[in-house]
Each structure stands twice: as structure tokens, then as C-alpha cells.
C-alpha atoms as a PDB file:
ATOM      1  CA  MET A   1     106.098  81.663  91.746  1.00  0.00           C
ATOM      2  CA  ALA A   2     106.253  85.086  93.361  1.00  0.00           C
ATOM      3  CA  GLY A   3     105.614  88.248  91.434  1.00  0.00           C
ATOM      4  CA  ASP A   4     108.090  91.077  91.191  1.00  0.00           C
ATOM      5  CA  GLY A   5     105.591  93.909  90.750  1.00  0.00           C
ATOM      6  CA  PRO A   6     104.613  96.639  93.175  1.00  0.00           C
ATOM      7  CA  GLY A   7     102.577  94.329  95.438  1.00  0.00           C
ATOM      8  CA  LEU A   8      99.426  95.378  97.258  1.00  0.00           C
ATOM      9  CA  THR A   9      98.861  97.544 100.293  1.00  0.00           C
ATOM     10  CA  ALA A  10      97.293  95.919 103.350  1.00  0.00           C
ATOM     11  CA  GLN A  11      94.044  97.776 102.553  1.00  0.00           C
ATOM     12  CA  ASP A  12      93.951  96.464  98.958  1.00  0.00           C
ATOM     13  CA  ALA A  13      94.835  92.931 100.101  1.00  0.00           C
ATOM     14  CA  LYS A  14      91.769  92.905 102.396  1.00  0.00           C
ATOM     15  CA  HIS A  15      89.470  93.539  99.420  1.00  0.00           C
ATOM     16  CA  VAL A  16      91.196  91.916  96.439  1.00  0.00           C
ATOM     17  CA  PHE A  17      88.842  88.873  96.376  1.00  0.00           C
ATOM     18  CA  GLU A  18      85.667  91.016  96.423  1.00  0.00           C
ATOM     19  CA  ARG A  19      83.620  91.303  93.237  1.00  0.00           C
ATOM     20  CA  PHE A  20      84.354  94.430  91.162  1.00  0.00           C
ATOM     21  CA  TYR A  21      87.269  95.522  93.382  1.00  0.00           C
ATOM     22  CA  ARG A  22      90.146  97.155  91.550  1.00  0.00           C
ATOM     23  CA  ALA A  23      93.365  98.048  93.352  1.00  0.00           C
ATOM     24  CA  GLY A  24      94.648 101.480  92.432  1.00  0.00           C
ATOM     25  CA  PRO A  25      93.255 104.333  90.352  1.00  0.00           C
ATOM     26  CA  SER A  26      94.981 103.131  87.161  1.00  0.00           C
ATOM     27  CA  ARG A  27      92.645 100.105  87.065  1.00  0.00           C
ATOM     28  CA  SER A  28      89.337 100.792  85.354  1.00  0.00           C
ATOM     29  CA  ARG A  29      86.910  99.015  83.066  1.00  0.00           C
ATOM     30  CA  THR A  30      88.730 100.402  80.054  1.00  0.00           C
ATOM     31  CA  HIS A  31      92.214  99.692  81.466  1.00  0.00           C
ATOM     32  CA  GLY A  32      92.481  96.673  83.691  1.00  0.00           C
ATOM     33  CA  GLY A  33      89.387  94.501  83.546  1.00  0.00           C
ATOM     34  CA  SER A  34      86.108  94.292  85.413  1.00  0.00           C
ATOM     35  CA  GLY A  35      87.407  93.362  88.858  1.00  0.00           C
ATOM     36  CA  LEU A  36      85.829  89.905  88.735  1.00  0.00           C
ATOM     37  CA  GLY A  37      88.713  87.528  88.022  1.00  0.00           C
ATOM     38  CA  LEU A  38      89.988  86.921  91.556  1.00  0.00           C
ATOM     39  CA  SER A  39      86.497  86.744  93.061  1.00  0.00           C
ATOM     40  CA  ILE A  40      85.528  84.099  90.495  1.00  0.00           C
ATOM     41  CA  ALA A  41      88.735  82.133  91.102  1.00  0.00           C
ATOM     42  CA  ALA A  42      88.146  82.244  94.874  1.00  0.00           C
ATOM     43  CA  ALA A  43      84.521  81.088  94.450  1.00  0.00           C
ATOM     44  CA  VAL A  44      85.579  78.171  92.227  1.00  0.00           C
ATOM     45  CA  ALA A  45      88.236  77.148  94.760  1.00  0.00           C
ATOM     46  CA  GLU A  46      85.692  77.292  97.600  1.00  0.00           C
ATOM     47  CA  GLY A  47      83.213  75.301  95.529  1.00  0.00           C
ATOM     48  CA  HIS A  48      85.771  72.510  95.408  1.00  0.00           C
ATOM     49  CA  GLY A  49      86.514  72.651  99.131  1.00  0.00           C
ATOM     50  CA  GLY A  50      89.625  74.773  98.770  1.00  0.00           C
ATOM     51  CA  ARG A  51      90.712  78.367  98.967  1.00  0.00           C
ATOM     52  CA  LEU A  52      92.707  81.032  97.149  1.00  0.00           C
ATOM     53  CA  GLU A  53      95.375  82.690  99.287  1.00  0.00           C
ATOM     54  CA  LEU A  54      97.379  85.879  98.828  1.00  0.00           C
ATOM     55  CA  ASP A  55     100.847  86.756 100.092  1.00  0.00           C
ATOM     56  CA  THR A  56     101.849  90.344  99.338  1.00  0.00           C
ATOM     57  CA  ALA A  57     103.531  93.482 100.577  1.00  0.00           C
ATOM     58  CA  PRO A  58     104.173  96.819  98.863  1.00  0.00           C
ATOM     59  CA  GLY A  59     107.339  96.631  96.783  1.00  0.00           C
ATOM     60  CA  ARG A  60     107.554  92.840  97.116  1.00  0.00           C
ATOM     61  CA  GLY A  61     105.039  91.622  94.527  1.00  0.00           C
ATOM     62  CA  CYS A  62     102.217  89.124  95.014  1.00  0.00           C
ATOM     63  CA  THR A  63     101.955  85.380  95.307  1.00  0.00           C
ATOM     64  CA  PHE A  64      98.545  83.770  94.825  1.00  0.00           C
ATOM     65  CA  ARG A  65      98.226  80.201  96.065  1.00  0.00           C
ATOM     66  CA  LEU A  66      95.405  77.828  95.098  1.00  0.00           C
ATOM     67  CA  VAL A  67      94.871  75.223  97.827  1.00  0.00           C
ATOM     68  CA  LEU A  68      92.614  72.252  97.026  1.00  0.00           C
ATOM     69  CA  PRO A  69      91.891  69.126  99.048  1.00  0.00           C
ATOM     70  CA  ALA A  70      93.456  65.867  97.933  1.00  0.00           C
ATOM     71  CA  GLY A  71      91.314  63.812  95.565  1.00  0.00           C
ATOM     72  CA  ARG A  72      89.482  60.691  96.612  1.00  0.00           C
ATOM     73  CA  SER A  73      91.389  57.480  96.068  1.00  0.00           C
ATOM     74  CA  ASP A  74      88.288  55.452  95.103  1.00  0.00           C
ATOM     75  CA  GLY A  75      87.823  57.338  91.826  1.00  0.00           C
ATOM     76  CA  ARG A  76      84.424  58.771  92.801  1.00  0.00           C
ATOM     77  CA  SER A  77      83.703  62.464  92.731  1.00  0.00           C
ATOM     78  CA  SER A  78      83.768  64.488  95.939  1.00  0.00           C
ATOM     79  CA  GLY A  79      80.089  65.332  95.538  1.00  0.00           C
ATOM     80  CA  VAL A  80      80.674  68.825  94.237  1.00  0.00           C
ATOM     81  CA  SER A  81      78.580  69.455  91.176  1.00  0.00           C
ATOM     82  CA  GLY A  82      78.145  72.481  89.029  1.00  0.00           C
END
């Protein structure tokens, strides 16, 4: 599902998965979180052999896509442990 918000600039999109990054001056610790959510989500996806993708443009909103590999058909785990 695509968002209908303001979207992100190309500069913000390059950094949005970095720890503690907040897009825009209105985002702060008191208003908008710690800047860790997307970096944690991306790390979890990578830990499972996948990735978190972003599609955005100013004025067009954002779409975040979680891409994970298909599961094994033999019922065994993929070897990823945590």
C-alpha cells in the first residue's frame, strides 16, 4: 500500500535506513521517535536473507517493501538464528 503523505527527498531517502536518522526538522526525540525503527526493520530483514526497500518522491508518499526469500519446503529452518 502506498502512502499519501509528503514523501521523502532524494537526500532523505539515501539515509532513511541509518540508525538515528530523522527526516525533517519536525522530527525529534520528543516529537517523532528515536530514528531507530527503519534501521532495526532493515537489519531484521537482512538477518533473514531479505531486504527492506523504499519507493518515494516528494509529494507522492512512501512505499516500504519487505522482501524475504521463500521458505524451505523441507520444514527445516534456514539456519538463521538469533
